Amino acid sequence: MATITKTATLRAPVAEVWDIVSDIGNVPALTGMIIESVVEGDHRTCRMADGQTLEESILSVDHDLRRVAYRVHSSPFPITEHAASIVVSDDGGRARVIWTTDLLPDSAAPMFREAADMMFNDMIKRMGGVA
């Protein structure tokens, strides 16, 4: 299983970034690649800017660990397994964001890495930029 990890320390405080990340119904606040997200129970549907959709299960929103975990069941990407988490930690009073994605097949990792780079860079910019 391929693992892609993106990490950045932001100028923004931990509580502010966690408020954004933990709002699982407002994915468009994280990235412009998602223009709509709807949560029903532990199921989330995200509509991408190009009109395609992602169907996800929210596995955990842990306020103590400041960790959101989710699994993507359906996406436009040629991926058979896709699970991810976003963790927000304290880095000297600033928020450190770690986004980890595990996916299969391994051969999809280079293509997905490009999309993940764009999405992560957008997320960081929207949350105040790198420290």
Protein backbone atom coordinates (compact mmCIF):
# COMPACT_ATOMS: atom_id res chain seq x y z
CA MET A 1 0.00 0.00 0.00
CA ALA A 2 1.41 3.37 -1.00
CA THR A 3 1.51 6.13 1.60
CA ILE A 4 1.60 9.82 0.77
CA THR A 5 2.26 12.26 3.61
CA LYS A 6 2.11 16.04 3.43
CA THR A 7 3.30 18.19 6.34
CA ALA A 8 3.44 21.93 7.02
CA THR A 9 3.68 24.28 9.97
CA LEU A 10 1.34 27.24 9.56
CA ARG A 11 1.32 30.80 10.83
CA ALA A 12 -2.16 30.18 12.27
CA PRO A 13 -2.83 28.99 15.82
CA VAL A 14 -3.73 25.36 16.52
CA ALA A 15 -7.31 26.03 17.66
CA GLU A 16 -8.12 28.04 14.54
CA VAL A 17 -6.79 25.37 12.18
CA TRP A 18 -8.47 22.54 14.11
CA ASP A 19 -11.81 24.36 13.88
CA ILE A 20 -11.49 24.34 10.08
CA VAL A 21 -10.21 20.76 9.76
CA SER A 22 -12.76 19.28 12.17
CA ASP A 23 -15.72 20.89 10.39
CA ILE A 24 -16.26 17.78 8.27
CA GLY A 25 -19.29 19.28 6.53
CA ASN A 26 -17.35 22.25 5.17
CA VAL A 27 -14.63 20.72 2.99
CA PRO A 28 -14.80 23.73 0.59
CA ALA A 29 -13.19 25.79 3.38
CA LEU A 30 -10.14 23.53 3.02
CA THR A 31 -9.78 23.47 -0.75
CA GLY A 32 -11.23 24.99 -3.87
CA MET A 33 -11.04 21.57 -5.53
CA ILE A 34 -14.19 20.70 -3.53
CA ILE A 35 -17.14 23.03 -4.08
CA GLU A 36 -19.76 21.25 -1.98
CA SER A 37 -19.82 18.70 0.81
CA VAL A 38 -22.83 17.09 2.45
CA VAL A 39 -22.68 14.93 5.58
CA GLU A 40 -25.38 12.43 6.52
CA GLY A 41 -24.41 10.47 9.63
CA ASP A 42 -20.91 9.15 8.97
CA HIS A 43 -21.27 9.45 5.17
CA ARG A 44 -19.90 12.46 3.29
CA THR A 45 -20.40 13.31 -0.37
CA CYS A 46 -18.06 15.89 -1.89
CA ARG A 47 -18.63 17.49 -5.28
CA MET A 48 -15.44 18.51 -7.01
CA ALA A 49 -15.03 21.68 -9.09
CA ASP A 50 -15.09 19.57 -12.27
CA GLY A 51 -18.48 18.08 -11.29
CA GLN A 52 -17.21 14.65 -10.23
CA THR A 53 -17.98 13.31 -6.76
CA LEU A 54 -16.25 11.59 -3.88
CA GLU A 55 -18.18 9.27 -1.56
CA GLU A 56 -16.57 8.96 1.85
CA SER A 57 -17.05 7.48 5.30
CA ILE A 58 -15.97 9.58 8.25
CA LEU A 59 -14.10 7.13 10.50
CA SER A 60 -13.24 9.48 13.34
CA VAL A 61 -13.27 13.09 14.47
CA ASP A 62 -11.14 13.00 17.62
CA HIS A 63 -11.02 16.38 19.32
CA ASP A 64 -8.51 15.18 21.94
CA LEU A 65 -6.03 14.01 19.32
CA ARG A 66 -7.11 16.71 16.83
CA ARG A 67 -7.40 14.02 14.17
CA VAL A 68 -9.94 13.45 11.40
CA ALA A 69 -9.87 10.08 9.62
CA TYR A 70 -11.88 9.12 6.56
CA ARG A 71 -12.14 6.47 3.85
CA VAL A 72 -12.97 7.22 0.22
CA HIS A 73 -15.32 4.62 -1.29
CA SER A 74 -15.85 6.16 -4.70
CA SER A 75 -13.82 8.72 -6.61
CA PRO A 76 -12.77 9.61 -10.15
CA PHE A 77 -9.28 8.32 -9.38
CA PRO A 78 -8.23 4.76 -10.39
CA ILE A 79 -7.84 3.75 -6.75
CA THR A 80 -9.24 0.60 -5.13
CA GLU A 81 -8.43 1.49 -1.49
CA HIS A 82 -8.09 4.98 -0.09
CA ALA A 83 -7.96 5.97 3.57
CA ALA A 84 -6.62 9.22 4.99
CA SER A 85 -6.21 11.28 8.12
CA ILE A 86 -5.47 14.89 8.93
CA VAL A 87 -3.79 15.65 12.26
CA VAL A 88 -3.33 19.13 13.70
CA SER A 89 -0.66 19.43 16.39
CA ASP A 90 1.04 22.23 18.29
CA ASP A 91 4.41 23.35 16.97
CA GLY A 92 5.50 26.16 19.29
CA GLY A 93 2.08 27.80 19.31
CA ARG A 94 1.57 27.33 15.60
CA ALA A 95 -0.45 24.63 13.90
CA ARG A 96 1.38 21.75 12.30
CA VAL A 97 -0.78 19.87 9.78
CA ILE A 98 -0.03 16.30 8.73
CA TRP A 99 -2.17 14.76 6.00
CA THR A 100 -1.53 11.06 5.41
CA THR A 101 -3.14 9.05 2.64
CA ASP A 102 -2.83 5.30 2.14
CA LEU A 103 -3.92 3.93 -1.22
CA LEU A 104 -3.96 0.98 -3.58
CA PRO A 105 -2.83 0.17 -6.14
CA ASP A 106 0.67 1.45 -5.58
CA SER A 107 0.83 2.35 -9.27
CA ALA A 108 -1.77 5.10 -8.69
CA ALA A 109 0.48 6.92 -6.21
CA PRO A 110 2.33 9.17 -8.72
CA MET A 111 -0.91 10.41 -10.28
CA PHE A 112 -2.60 10.87 -6.91
CA ARG A 113 0.48 12.61 -5.49
CA GLU A 114 0.02 15.42 -8.05
CA ALA A 115 -3.60 15.96 -6.98
CA ALA A 116 -2.61 15.73 -3.31
CA ASP A 117 0.12 18.35 -3.82
CA MET A 118 -2.37 20.78 -5.35
CA MET A 119 -4.99 20.13 -2.67
CA PHE A 120 -2.55 20.35 0.24
CA ASN A 121 -0.97 23.56 -1.05
CA ASP A 122 -4.45 25.07 -1.39
CA MET A 123 -5.36 23.92 2.14
CA ILE A 124 -2.24 25.50 3.62
CA LYS A 125 -2.80 28.78 1.78
CA ARG A 126 -6.46 28.93 2.94
CA MET A 127 -5.41 28.34 6.55
CA GLY A 128 -2.91 31.18 6.71
CA GLY A 129 0.16 29.93 4.88
CA VAL A 130 3.40 28.38 6.00
CA ALA A 131 5.21 29.79 9.02
